[in-house]
PDB file of N, CA and C in Angstrom:
ATOM      1  N   UNK A   1      -6.728   9.814  -5.000  1.00  0.00           N
ATOM      2  CA  UNK A   1      -7.347   9.504  -3.698  1.00  0.00           C
ATOM      3  C   UNK A   1      -6.948   9.665  -2.585  1.00  0.00           C
ATOM      4  N   UNK A   2      -7.044  10.045  -1.587  1.00  0.00           N
ATOM      5  CA  UNK A   2      -6.535  10.517  -0.358  1.00  0.00           C
ATOM      6  C   UNK A   2      -6.740   9.622   1.031  1.00  0.00           C
ATOM      7  N   UNK A   3      -5.546   9.263   1.330  1.00  0.00           N
ATOM      8  CA  UNK A   3      -5.586   8.441   2.249  1.00  0.00           C
ATOM      9  C   UNK A   3      -5.520   8.876   3.849  1.00  0.00           C
ATOM     10  N   UNK A   4      -6.153   8.514   4.942  1.00  0.00           N
ATOM     11  CA  UNK A   4      -5.721   8.960   6.195  1.00  0.00           C
ATOM     12  C   UNK A   4      -4.131   8.827   6.746  1.00  0.00           C
ATOM     13  N   UNK A   5      -3.668   9.445   7.039  1.00  0.00           N
ATOM     14  CA  UNK A   5      -2.330   9.284   7.534  1.00  0.00           C
ATOM     15  C   UNK A   5      -2.243   7.914   8.317  1.00  0.00           C
ATOM     16  N   UNK A   6      -3.341   7.654   9.345  1.00  0.00           N
ATOM     17  CA  UNK A   6      -3.278   6.151   9.810  1.00  0.00           C
ATOM     18  C   UNK A   6      -3.341   5.046   9.191  1.00  0.00           C
ATOM     19  N   UNK A   7      -3.875   5.179   7.939  1.00  0.00           N
ATOM     20  CA  UNK A   7      -4.242   4.359   7.125  1.00  0.00           C
ATOM     21  C   UNK A   7      -2.743   3.642   6.547  1.00  0.00           C
ATOM     22  N   UNK A   8      -1.982   5.178   5.845  1.00  0.00           N
ATOM     23  CA  UNK A   8      -0.915   4.784   5.175  1.00  0.00           C
ATOM     24  C   UNK A   8       0.312   4.303   6.094  1.00  0.00           C
ATOM     25  N   UNK A   9       0.073   4.685   7.217  1.00  0.00           N
ATOM     26  CA  UNK A   9       1.252   4.506   8.226  1.00  0.00           C
ATOM     27  C   UNK A   9       0.401   2.448   8.616  1.00  0.00           C
ATOM     28  N   UNK A  10      -0.609   2.076   8.463  1.00  0.00           N
ATOM     29  CA  UNK A  10      -0.699   0.723   8.948  1.00  0.00           C
ATOM     30  C   UNK A  10      -0.480  -0.091   7.671  1.00  0.00           C
ATOM     31  N   UNK A  11      -0.845   0.648   6.663  1.00  0.00           N
ATOM     32  CA  UNK A  11      -0.364  -0.063   5.512  1.00  0.00           C
ATOM     33  C   UNK A  11       1.177  -0.352   5.366  1.00  0.00           C
ATOM     34  N   UNK A  12       1.796   0.529   5.485  1.00  0.00           N
ATOM     35  CA  UNK A  12       3.053   0.594   5.599  1.00  0.00           C
ATOM     36  C   UNK A  12       3.852  -0.415   6.491  1.00  0.00           C
ATOM     37  N   UNK A  13       3.334  -0.557   7.534  1.00  0.00           N
ATOM     38  CA  UNK A  13       3.862  -1.678   8.677  1.00  0.00           C
ATOM     39  C   UNK A  13       3.449  -3.045   8.388  1.00  0.00           C
ATOM     40  N   UNK A  14       2.242  -2.980   7.758  1.00  0.00           N
ATOM     41  CA  UNK A  14       1.897  -4.311   7.182  1.00  0.00           C
ATOM     42  C   UNK A  14       2.529  -4.834   6.161  1.00  0.00           C
ATOM     43  N   UNK A  15       2.635  -3.954   5.297  1.00  0.00           N
ATOM     44  CA  UNK A  15       3.259  -4.178   3.872  1.00  0.00           C
ATOM     45  C   UNK A  15       5.036  -4.633   4.387  1.00  0.00           C
ATOM     46  N   UNK A  16       5.586  -4.096   5.367  1.00  0.00           N
ATOM     47  CA  UNK A  16       6.853  -4.529   5.807  1.00  0.00           C
ATOM     48  C   UNK A  16       6.583  -5.558   6.788  1.00  0.00           C
ATOM     49  N   UNK A  17       5.888  -6.036   7.024  1.00  0.00           N
ATOM     50  CA  UNK A  17       5.676  -7.340   7.707  1.00  0.00           C
ATOM     51  C   UNK A  17       6.245  -7.301   9.490  1.00  0.00           C
ATOM     52  N   UNK A  18       5.779  -5.859  10.088  1.00  0.00           N
ATOM     53  CA  UNK A  18       6.722  -5.583  11.101  1.00  0.00           C
ATOM     54  C   UNK A  18       5.246  -6.221  12.456  1.00  0.00           C
ATOM     55  N   UNK A  19       4.475  -6.098  11.793  1.00  0.00           N
ATOM     56  CA  UNK A  19       2.894  -6.720  13.065  1.00  0.00           C
ATOM     57  C   UNK A  19       2.802  -7.948  12.426  1.00  0.00           C
ATOM     58  N   UNK A  20       2.970  -9.077  13.376  1.00  0.00           N
ATOM     59  CA  UNK A  20       2.775 -10.302  12.957  1.00  0.00           C
ATOM     60  C   UNK A  20       1.578 -10.675  12.391  1.00  0.00           C
ATOM     61  N   UNK A  21       0.095 -10.147  13.240  1.00  0.00           N
ATOM     62  CA  UNK A  21      -0.513 -10.536  12.621  1.00  0.00           C
ATOM     63  C   UNK A  21      -0.808  -9.560  11.138  1.00  0.00           C
ATOM     64  N   UNK A  22      -0.456  -8.799  10.229  1.00  0.00           N
ATOM     65  CA  UNK A  22      -0.629  -8.405   8.999  1.00  0.00           C
ATOM     66  C   UNK A  22       0.012  -9.603   7.966  1.00  0.00           C
ATOM     67  N   UNK A  23       1.293 -10.424   8.583  1.00  0.00           N
ATOM     68  CA  UNK A  23       1.712 -10.981   7.350  1.00  0.00           C
ATOM     69  C   UNK A  23       1.004 -11.831   6.569  1.00  0.00           C
ATOM     70  N   UNK A  24      -0.266 -12.150   6.947  1.00  0.00           N
ATOM     71  CA  UNK A  24      -1.018 -13.169   5.858  1.00  0.00           C
ATOM     72  C   UNK A  24      -2.596 -12.584   5.764  1.00  0.00           C
ATOM     73  N   UNK A  25      -2.856 -11.621   6.401  1.00  0.00           N
ATOM     74  CA  UNK A  25      -4.100 -10.920   6.039  1.00  0.00           C
ATOM     75  C   UNK A  25      -4.627 -11.138   4.894  1.00  0.00           C
ATOM     76  N   UNK A  26      -5.701 -11.867   4.431  1.00  0.00           N
ATOM     77  CA  UNK A  26      -6.397 -11.605   3.218  1.00  0.00           C
ATOM     78  C   UNK A  26      -7.922 -11.441   3.945  1.00  0.00           C
ATOM     79  N   UNK A  27      -8.861 -10.593   3.572  1.00  0.00           N
ATOM     80  CA  UNK A  27     -10.110 -10.343   4.273  1.00  0.00           C
ATOM     81  C   UNK A  27     -10.960 -10.933   3.781  1.00  0.00           C
ATOM     82  N   UNK A  28     -10.774 -11.221   2.040  1.00  0.00           N
ATOM     83  CA  UNK A  28     -11.433 -11.678   1.155  1.00  0.00           C
ATOM     84  C   UNK A  28     -12.263 -13.087   1.389  1.00  0.00           C
ATOM     85  N   UNK A  29     -13.054 -13.689   1.852  1.00  0.00           N
ATOM     86  CA  UNK A  29     -13.422 -15.217   1.845  1.00  0.00           C
ATOM     87  C   UNK A  29     -12.871 -15.983   0.516  1.00  0.00           C
ATOM     88  N   UNK A  30     -12.628 -15.513  -0.848  1.00  0.00           N
ATOM     89  CA  UNK A  30     -12.358 -16.208  -1.319  1.00  0.00           C
ATOM     90  C   UNK A  30     -11.495 -15.117  -2.602  1.00  0.00           C
ATOM     91  N   UNK A  31     -10.552 -15.567  -3.003  1.00  0.00           N
ATOM     92  CA  UNK A  31      -9.649 -14.783  -4.102  1.00  0.00           C
ATOM     93  C   UNK A  31      -9.138 -13.931  -3.169  1.00  0.00           C
ATOM     94  N   UNK A  32      -8.510 -12.711  -4.148  1.00  0.00           N
ATOM     95  CA  UNK A  32      -7.542 -11.543  -3.446  1.00  0.00           C
ATOM     96  C   UNK A  32      -8.220 -10.284  -3.628  1.00  0.00           C
ATOM     97  N   UNK A  33      -7.851  -9.292  -2.760  1.00  0.00           N
ATOM     98  CA  UNK A  33      -8.318  -7.922  -2.891  1.00  0.00           C
ATOM     99  C   UNK A  33      -7.919  -7.229  -4.426  1.00  0.00           C
ATOM    100  N   UNK A  34      -8.706  -6.604  -4.687  1.00  0.00           N
ATOM    101  CA  UNK A  34      -8.570  -5.784  -6.050  1.00  0.00           C
ATOM    102  C   UNK A  34      -7.128  -5.152  -6.070  1.00  0.00           C
ATOM    103  N   UNK A  35      -6.251  -5.046  -6.587  1.00  0.00           N
ATOM    104  CA  UNK A  35      -4.954  -3.965  -6.112  1.00  0.00           C
ATOM    105  C   UNK A  35      -5.357  -2.463  -6.292  1.00  0.00           C
ATOM    106  N   UNK A  36      -4.719  -1.925  -5.439  1.00  0.00           N
ATOM    107  CA  UNK A  36      -4.944  -0.662  -5.386  1.00  0.00           C
ATOM    108  C   UNK A  36      -6.155   0.089  -5.013  1.00  0.00           C
ATOM    109  N   UNK A  37      -7.280  -0.995  -5.108  1.00  0.00           N
ATOM    110  CA  UNK A  37      -8.886  -0.518  -4.337  1.00  0.00           C
ATOM    111  C   UNK A  37      -9.113  -0.040  -3.038  1.00  0.00           C
ATOM    112  N   UNK A  38      -9.238   1.068  -2.920  1.00  0.00           N
ATOM    113  CA  UNK A  38      -9.666   1.611  -1.236  1.00  0.00           C
ATOM    114  C   UNK A  38     -11.090   2.055  -1.355  1.00  0.00           C
ATOM    115  N   UNK A  39     -11.936   1.106  -1.090  1.00  0.00           N
ATOM    116  CA  UNK A  39     -13.308   1.949  -1.019  1.00  0.00           C
ATOM    117  C   UNK A  39     -13.781   2.078   0.723  1.00  0.00           C
ATOM    118  N   UNK A  40     -12.977   2.512   1.373  1.00  0.00           N
ATOM    119  CA  UNK A  40     -13.633   2.883   2.702  1.00  0.00           C
ATOM    120  C   UNK A  40     -13.715   4.586   2.591  1.00  0.00           C
ATOM    121  N   UNK A  41     -13.858   5.327   3.602  1.00  0.00           N
ATOM    122  CA  UNK A  41     -14.326   6.664   3.662  1.00  0.00           C
ATOM    123  C   UNK A  41     -13.234   7.457   2.848  1.00  0.00           C
ATOM    124  N   UNK A  42     -13.700   8.035   1.788  1.00  0.00           N
ATOM    125  CA  UNK A  42     -12.802   9.108   0.543  1.00  0.00           C
ATOM    126  C   UNK A  42     -12.725   7.967  -0.240  1.00  0.00           C
ATOM    127  N   UNK A  43     -12.882   6.906  -0.329  1.00  0.00           N
ATOM    128  CA  UNK A  43     -12.216   5.992  -1.500  1.00  0.00           C
ATOM    129  C   UNK A  43     -13.332   6.034  -2.539  1.00  0.00           C
ATOM    130  N   UNK A  44     -13.239   5.733  -3.270  1.00  0.00           N
ATOM    131  CA  UNK A  44     -13.919   4.893  -4.612  1.00  0.00           C
ATOM    132  C   UNK A  44     -15.008   3.650  -4.618  1.00  0.00           C
ATOM    133  N   UNK A  45     -16.071   3.236  -5.060  1.00  0.00           N
ATOM    134  CA  UNK A  45     -16.869   2.358  -5.124  1.00  0.00           C
ATOM    135  C   UNK A  45     -16.187   1.275  -5.853  1.00  0.00           C
ATOM    136  N   UNK A  46     -16.379  -0.219  -5.127  1.00  0.00           N
ATOM    137  CA  UNK A  46     -15.976  -1.143  -5.270  1.00  0.00           C
ATOM    138  C   UNK A  46     -16.347  -1.378  -7.044  1.00  0.00           C
ATOM    139  N   UNK A  47     -15.547  -1.522  -8.347  1.00  0.00           N
ATOM    140  CA  UNK A  47     -16.247  -1.953  -9.594  1.00  0.00           C
ATOM    141  C   UNK A  47     -16.963  -3.355  -9.485  1.00  0.00           C
ATOM    142  N   UNK A  48     -17.334  -3.176 -10.893  1.00  0.00           N
ATOM    143  CA  UNK A  48     -18.547  -4.475 -10.876  1.00  0.00           C
ATOM    144  C   UNK A  48     -17.892  -5.958 -10.733  1.00  0.00           C
ATOM    145  N   UNK A  49     -18.850  -6.658  -9.930  1.00  0.00           N
ATOM    146  CA  UNK A  49     -18.217  -8.078  -9.674  1.00  0.00           C
ATOM    147  C   UNK A  49     -17.063  -7.928  -8.072  1.00  0.00           C
ATOM    148  N   UNK A  50     -17.245  -6.930  -7.544  1.00  0.00           N
ATOM    149  CA  UNK A  50     -16.241  -6.672  -6.309  1.00  0.00           C
ATOM    150  C   UNK A  50     -17.581  -6.250  -5.195  1.00  0.00           C
ATOM    151  N   UNK A  51     -17.044  -6.484  -3.761  1.00  0.00           N
ATOM    152  CA  UNK A  51     -17.709  -5.681  -2.739  1.00  0.00           C
ATOM    153  C   UNK A  51     -16.955  -5.277  -2.081  1.00  0.00           C
ATOM    154  N   UNK A  52     -17.183  -4.484  -1.187  1.00  0.00           N
ATOM    155  CA  UNK A  52     -16.256  -3.467  -0.079  1.00  0.00           C
ATOM    156  C   UNK A  52     -16.318  -4.217   1.296  1.00  0.00           C
ATOM    157  N   UNK A  53     -15.117  -4.558   1.822  1.00  0.00           N
ATOM    158  CA  UNK A  53     -15.129  -5.161   2.905  1.00  0.00           C
ATOM    159  C   UNK A  53     -14.269  -4.675   3.899  1.00  0.00           C
ATOM    160  N   UNK A  54     -14.938  -4.395   4.526  1.00  0.00           N
ATOM    161  CA  UNK A  54     -14.442  -3.147   5.796  1.00  0.00           C
ATOM    162  C   UNK A  54     -13.899  -3.647   7.002  1.00  0.00           C
ATOM    163  N   UNK A  55     -12.865  -3.712   7.700  1.00  0.00           N
ATOM    164  CA  UNK A  55     -12.652  -4.582   8.840  1.00  0.00           C
ATOM    165  C   UNK A  55     -13.404  -3.769  10.374  1.00  0.00           C
ATOM    166  N   UNK A  56     -13.699  -4.194  11.311  1.00  0.00           N
ATOM    167  CA  UNK A  56     -14.455  -3.477  12.268  1.00  0.00           C
ATOM    168  C   UNK A  56     -14.128  -2.344  12.807  1.00  0.00           C
ATOM    169  N   UNK A  57     -12.264  -2.440  12.829  1.00  0.00           N
ATOM    170  CA  UNK A  57     -11.793  -1.302  13.535  1.00  0.00           C
ATOM    171  C   UNK A  57     -11.107  -0.402  12.452  1.00  0.00           C
ATOM    172  N   UNK A  58     -11.687  -0.241  11.263  1.00  0.00           N
ATOM    173  CA  UNK A  58     -11.492   0.333  10.094  1.00  0.00           C
ATOM    174  C   UNK A  58      -9.876   0.353   9.841  1.00  0.00           C
ATOM    175  N   UNK A  59      -9.019  -1.111   9.733  1.00  0.00           N
ATOM    176  CA  UNK A  59      -7.908  -1.272   9.554  1.00  0.00           C
ATOM    177  C   UNK A  59      -7.801  -1.381   8.087  1.00  0.00           C
ATOM    178  N   UNK A  60      -8.538  -1.891   7.282  1.00  0.00           N
ATOM    179  CA  UNK A  60      -8.737  -1.804   5.900  1.00  0.00           C
ATOM    180  C   UNK A  60     -10.191  -1.601   5.478  1.00  0.00           C
ATOM    181  N   UNK A  61     -10.162  -1.028   3.909  1.00  0.00           N
ATOM    182  CA  UNK A  61     -11.049  -1.568   3.553  1.00  0.00           C
ATOM    183  C   UNK A  61     -11.134  -1.713   1.746  1.00  0.00           C
ATOM    184  N   UNK A  62     -11.431  -2.976   1.635  1.00  0.00           N
ATOM    185  CA  UNK A  62     -10.767  -3.467   0.122  1.00  0.00           C
ATOM    186  C   UNK A  62     -11.776  -4.218  -0.843  1.00  0.00           C
ATOM    187  N   UNK A  63     -11.881  -4.276  -1.877  1.00  0.00           N
ATOM    188  CA  UNK A  63     -12.790  -4.879  -2.832  1.00  0.00           C
ATOM    189  C   UNK A  63     -12.318  -6.209  -2.941  1.00  0.00           C
ATOM    190  N   UNK A  64     -13.444  -6.891  -2.441  1.00  0.00           N
ATOM    191  CA  UNK A  64     -13.187  -8.404  -2.585  1.00  0.00           C
ATOM    192  C   UNK A  64     -14.068  -8.967  -3.788  1.00  0.00           C
ATOM    193  N   UNK A  65     -13.405  -9.853  -4.516  1.00  0.00           N
ATOM    194  CA  UNK A  65     -14.329 -10.792  -5.436  1.00  0.00           C
ATOM    195  C   UNK A  65     -15.581 -10.908  -5.249  1.00  0.00           C
ATOM    196  N   UNK A  66     -16.695 -10.830  -5.974  1.00  0.00           N
ATOM    197  CA  UNK A  66     -18.049 -11.276  -5.576  1.00  0.00           C
ATOM    198  C   UNK A  66     -18.814 -11.496  -7.018  1.00  0.00           C
ATOM    199  N   UNK A  67     -18.155 -12.665  -7.145  1.00  0.00           N
ATOM    200  CA  UNK A  67     -18.729 -13.349  -8.849  1.00  0.00           C
ATOM    201  C   UNK A  67     -20.576 -13.700  -8.994  1.00  0.00           C
ATOM    202  N   UNK A  68     -20.876 -14.067  -8.187  1.00  0.00           N
ATOM    203  CA  UNK A  68     -22.384 -14.438  -7.829  1.00  0.00           C
ATOM    204  C   UNK A  68     -23.409 -13.726  -7.888  1.00  0.00           C
ATOM    205  N   UNK A  69     -24.489 -13.433  -8.051  1.00  0.00           N
ATOM    206  CA  UNK A  69     -25.790 -12.735  -7.805  1.00  0.00           C
ATOM    207  C   UNK A  69     -26.021 -13.287  -6.324  1.00  0.00           C
ATOM    208  N   UNK A  70     -26.098 -14.625  -6.282  1.00  0.00           N
ATOM    209  CA  UNK A  70     -26.765 -15.124  -5.223  1.00  0.00           C
ATOM    210  C   UNK A  70     -25.939 -16.213  -4.382  1.00  0.00           C
ATOM    211  N   UNK A  71     -25.427 -15.947  -3.168  1.00  0.00           N
ATOM    212  CA  UNK A  71     -24.474 -17.295  -2.745  1.00  0.00           C
ATOM    213  C   UNK A  71     -23.073 -16.798  -3.206  1.00  0.00           C
ATOM    214  N   UNK A  72     -22.456 -17.806  -2.581  1.00  0.00           N
ATOM    215  CA  UNK A  72     -20.657 -17.717  -2.826  1.00  0.00           C
ATOM    216  C   UNK A  72     -20.141 -19.106  -4.218  1.00  0.00           C
ATOM    217  N   UNK A  73     -19.599 -18.788  -4.737  1.00  0.00           N
ATOM    218  CA  UNK A  73     -18.883 -19.815  -5.751  1.00  0.00           C
ATOM    219  C   UNK A  73     -18.525 -20.650  -4.674  1.00  0.00           C
ATOM    220  N   UNK A  74     -18.483 -21.876  -5.968  1.00  0.00           N
ATOM    221  CA  UNK A  74     -17.680 -23.295  -5.471  1.00  0.00           C
ATOM    222  C   UNK A  74     -16.514 -23.024  -5.172  1.00  0.00           C
ATOM    223  N   UNK A  75     -15.987 -23.413  -4.271  1.00  0.00           N
ATOM    224  CA  UNK A  75     -14.287 -23.272  -4.046  1.00  0.00           C
ATOM    225  C   UNK A  75     -13.689 -24.521  -4.635  1.00  0.00           C
ATOM    226  N   UNK A  76     -12.211 -24.542  -4.417  1.00  0.00           N
ATOM    227  CA  UNK A  76     -11.612 -25.822  -4.615  1.00  0.00           C
ATOM    228  C   UNK A  76     -10.937 -25.887  -3.324  1.00  0.00           C
ATOM    229  N   UNK A  77     -10.143 -26.770  -3.040  1.00  0.00           N
ATOM    230  CA  UNK A  77      -9.453 -27.015  -1.823  1.00  0.00           C
ATOM    231  C   UNK A  77      -8.661 -25.695  -1.374  1.00  0.00           C
ATOM    232  N   UNK A  78      -8.020 -25.040  -2.293  1.00  0.00           N
ATOM    233  CA  UNK A  78      -7.626 -23.850  -1.853  1.00  0.00           C
ATOM    234  C   UNK A  78      -8.192 -22.689  -1.204  1.00  0.00           C
ATOM    235  N   UNK A  79      -9.614 -22.836  -1.244  1.00  0.00           N
ATOM    236  CA  UNK A  79     -10.347 -22.044  -1.464  1.00  0.00           C
ATOM    237  C   UNK A  79     -10.081 -20.940  -2.139  1.00  0.00           C
ATOM    238  N   UNK A  80     -10.064 -21.097  -3.417  1.00  0.00           N
ATOM    239  CA  UNK A  80     -10.208 -20.436  -4.494  1.00  0.00           C
ATOM    240  C   UNK A  80     -11.255 -20.853  -5.631  1.00  0.00           C
ATOM    241  N   UNK A  81     -12.111 -19.832  -6.054  1.00  0.00           N
ATOM    242  CA  UNK A  81     -13.093 -19.997  -7.067  1.00  0.00           C
ATOM    243  C   UNK A  81     -12.720 -21.345  -7.877  1.00  0.00           C
ATOM    244  N   UNK A  82     -13.784 -22.125  -8.405  1.00  0.00           N
ATOM    245  CA  UNK A  82     -13.225 -23.288  -9.550  1.00  0.00           C
ATOM    246  C   UNK A  82     -13.846 -22.456 -10.848  1.00  0.00           C
ATOM    247  N   UNK A  83     -12.713 -22.796 -11.414  1.00  0.00           N
ATOM    248  CA  UNK A  83     -12.594 -22.125 -12.932  1.00  0.00           C
ATOM    249  C   UNK A  83     -13.317 -22.981 -14.054  1.00  0.00           C
ATOM    250  N   UNK A  84     -14.611 -22.459 -14.052  1.00  0.00           N
ATOM    251  CA  UNK A  84     -15.229 -23.460 -15.067  1.00  0.00           C
ATOM    252  C   UNK A  84     -15.518 -23.019 -16.573  1.00  0.00           C
ATOM    253  N   UNK A  85     -14.310 -22.169 -17.119  1.00  0.00           N
ATOM    254  CA  UNK A  85     -14.760 -21.466 -18.665  1.00  0.00           C
ATOM    255  C   UNK A  85     -13.660 -22.241 -19.374  1.00  0.00           C
ATOM    256  N   UNK A  86     -13.179 -22.230 -20.313  1.00  0.00           N
ATOM    257  CA  UNK A  86     -13.072 -23.096 -21.422  1.00  0.00           C
ATOM    258  C   UNK A  86     -11.365 -23.674 -20.321  1.00  0.00           C
ATOM    259  N   UNK A  87     -11.517 -24.979 -20.724  1.00  0.00           N
ATOM    260  CA  UNK A  87     -10.423 -25.496 -20.301  1.00  0.00           C
ATOM    261  C   UNK A  87     -10.240 -25.724 -18.817  1.00  0.00           C
ATOM    262  N   UNK A  88     -11.445 -25.292 -17.921  1.00  0.00           N
ATOM    263  CA  UNK A  88     -11.814 -25.183 -16.600  1.00  0.00           C
ATOM    264  C   UNK A  88     -12.616 -26.553 -16.372  1.00  0.00           C
ATOM    265  N   UNK A  89     -12.882 -26.740 -15.059  1.00  0.00           N
ATOM    266  CA  UNK A  89     -13.467 -28.181 -14.568  1.00  0.00           C
ATOM    267  C   UNK A  89     -14.950 -27.738 -14.794  1.00  0.00           C
ATOM    268  N   UNK A  90     -15.625 -28.734 -14.297  1.00  0.00           N
ATOM    269  CA  UNK A  90     -17.348 -28.954 -14.493  1.00  0.00           C
ATOM    270  C   UNK A  90     -17.398 -28.626 -13.193  1.00  0.00           C
ATOM    271  N   UNK A  91     -18.474 -27.901 -12.974  1.00  0.00           N
ATOM    272  CA  UNK A  91     -19.558 -27.537 -11.358  1.00  0.00           C
ATOM    273  C   UNK A  91     -20.166 -28.646 -10.924  1.00  0.00           C
ATOM    274  N   UNK A  92     -20.023 -28.673 -10.148  1.00  0.00           N
ATOM    275  CA  UNK A  92     -20.869 -29.705  -9.067  1.00  0.00           C
ATOM    276  C   UNK A  92     -22.245 -29.704  -9.503  1.00  0.00           C
ATOM    277  N   UNK A  93     -22.973 -30.516  -9.465  1.00  0.00           N
ATOM    278  CA  UNK A  93     -24.283 -30.804  -9.604  1.00  0.00           C
ATOM    279  C   UNK A  93     -25.398 -29.394  -9.485  1.00  0.00           C
ATOM    280  N   UNK A  94     -24.974 -28.983  -8.148  1.00  0.00           N
ATOM    281  CA  UNK A  94     -25.878 -27.940  -7.319  1.00  0.00           C
ATOM    282  C   UNK A  94     -25.419 -26.358  -8.091  1.00  0.00           C
ATOM    283  N   UNK A  95     -24.693 -26.225  -9.020  1.00  0.00           N
ATOM    284  CA  UNK A  95     -23.878 -25.188  -9.308  1.00  0.00           C
ATOM    285  C   UNK A  95     -24.098 -25.401 -10.840  1.00  0.00           C
ATOM    286  N   UNK A  96     -23.649 -23.957 -11.176  1.00  0.00           N
ATOM    287  CA  UNK A  96     -23.678 -23.720 -12.931  1.00  0.00           C
ATOM    288  C   UNK A  96     -22.586 -22.465 -12.998  1.00  0.00           C
ATOM    289  N   UNK A  97     -22.016 -22.759 -14.218  1.00  0.00           N
ATOM    290  CA  UNK A  97     -20.884 -21.610 -14.625  1.00  0.00           C
ATOM    291  C   UNK A  97     -21.597 -20.551 -15.167  1.00  0.00           C
ATOM    292  N   UNK A  98     -20.992 -19.731 -14.239  1.00  0.00           N
ATOM    293  CA  UNK A  98     -21.237 -18.064 -15.052  1.00  0.00           C
ATOM    294  C   UNK A  98     -19.956 -17.566 -15.211  1.00  0.00           C
ATOM    295  N   UNK A  99     -20.005 -17.051 -16.469  1.00  0.00           N
ATOM    296  CA  UNK A  99     -19.141 -16.318 -17.229  1.00  0.00           C
ATOM    297  C   UNK A  99     -19.293 -14.737 -17.124  1.00  0.00           C
ATOM    298  N   UNK A 100     -18.525 -14.020 -16.785  1.00  0.00           N
ATOM    299  CA  UNK A 100     -18.358 -12.684 -16.965  1.00  0.00           C
ATOM    300  C   UNK A 100     -18.470 -12.221 -18.561  1.00  0.00           C
ATOM    301  N   UNK A 101     -19.407 -10.905 -18.873  1.00  0.00           N
ATOM    302  CA  UNK A 101     -19.735 -10.373 -20.051  1.00  0.00           C
ATOM    303  C   UNK A 101     -18.148 -10.158 -20.633  1.00  0.00           C
ATOM    304  N   UNK A 102     -16.930 -10.054 -20.300  1.00  0.00           N
ATOM    305  CA  UNK A 102     -15.804  -9.712 -20.625  1.00  0.00           C
ATOM    306  C   UNK A 102     -15.196 -10.998 -20.888  1.00  0.00           C
ATOM    307  N   UNK A 103     -15.710 -11.986 -20.496  1.00  0.00           N
ATOM    308  CA  UNK A 103     -15.017 -13.312 -20.440  1.00  0.00           C
ATOM    309  C   UNK A 103     -13.614 -13.418 -19.544  1.00  0.00           C
ATOM    310  N   UNK A 104     -13.771 -12.493 -18.358  1.00  0.00           N
ATOM    311  CA  UNK A 104     -12.162 -12.424 -17.698  1.00  0.00           C
ATOM    312  C   UNK A 104     -12.331 -13.249 -16.731  1.00  0.00           C
ATOM    313  N   UNK A 105     -13.498 -14.185 -16.111  1.00  0.00           N
ATOM    314  CA  UNK A 105     -14.025 -15.256 -15.288  1.00  0.00           C
ATOM    315  C   UNK A 105     -14.662 -16.101 -15.680  1.00  0.00           C
ATOM    316  N   UNK A 106     -14.679 -17.266 -15.204  1.00  0.00           N
ATOM    317  CA  UNK A 106     -15.865 -18.497 -15.536  1.00  0.00           C
ATOM    318  C   UNK A 106     -15.947 -19.126 -13.919  1.00  0.00           C
ATOM    319  N   UNK A 107     -16.694 -18.750 -12.918  1.00  0.00           N
ATOM    320  CA  UNK A 107     -16.829 -19.752 -11.804  1.00  0.00           C
ATOM    321  C   UNK A 107     -18.322 -20.294 -11.743  1.00  0.00           C
ATOM    322  N   UNK A 108     -18.111 -21.189 -10.817  1.00  0.00           N
ATOM    323  CA  UNK A 108     -19.239 -21.981 -10.588  1.00  0.00           C
ATOM    324  C   UNK A 108     -20.115 -21.115  -9.298  1.00  0.00           C
ATOM    325  N   UNK A 109     -21.596 -21.077  -9.521  1.00  0.00           N
ATOM    326  CA  UNK A 109     -22.581 -20.211  -8.610  1.00  0.00           C
ATOM    327  C   UNK A 109     -23.587 -21.181  -8.426  1.00  0.00           C
ATOM    328  N   UNK A 110     -23.856 -20.858  -6.857  1.00  0.00           N
ATOM    329  CA  UNK A 110     -24.918 -21.814  -6.982  1.00  0.00           C
ATOM    330  C   UNK A 110     -26.208 -21.850  -7.823  1.00  0.00           C
ATOM    331  N   UNK A 111     -27.131 -22.850  -8.170  1.00  0.00           N
ATOM    332  CA  UNK A 111     -28.174 -22.478  -9.299  1.00  0.00           C
ATOM    333  C   UNK A 111     -29.373 -21.969  -8.004  1.00  0.00           C
ATOM    334  N   UNK A 112     -29.898 -20.872  -8.891  1.00  0.00           N
ATOM    335  CA  UNK A 112     -31.085 -20.120  -8.263  1.00  0.00           C
ATOM    336  C   UNK A 112     -32.479 -20.617  -8.234  1.00  0.00           C
ATOM    337  N   UNK A 113     -32.983 -20.874  -7.178  1.00  0.00           N
ATOM    338  CA  UNK A 113     -34.518 -21.749  -7.509  1.00  0.00           C
ATOM    339  C   UNK A 113     -35.472 -21.068  -7.609  1.00  0.00           C
TER     340      UNK A 113
END
């Protein structure tokens, strides 16, 4: 995968914490971006259960978790998806537990009507 020099510079600046707005950037609405994945121009498509989130100014293009087919997963107080698999919590009545085929995750997704 080949990144543009600007993107490499931006990532380096952000990783070094030089720009204040880069200190705690997480563009995903929940969870964290998939490490090492770049889905922007010249990059690769996101893997299953991830979707590409691109900044309006093209500052980043990352793969964010996307566990539910419809709607967003139920979140805990830290804005992380609620784990409902083995040893996990129960989902609220309007959610049901969706488990990855590989058992890699189990989250509460909205009930589909």
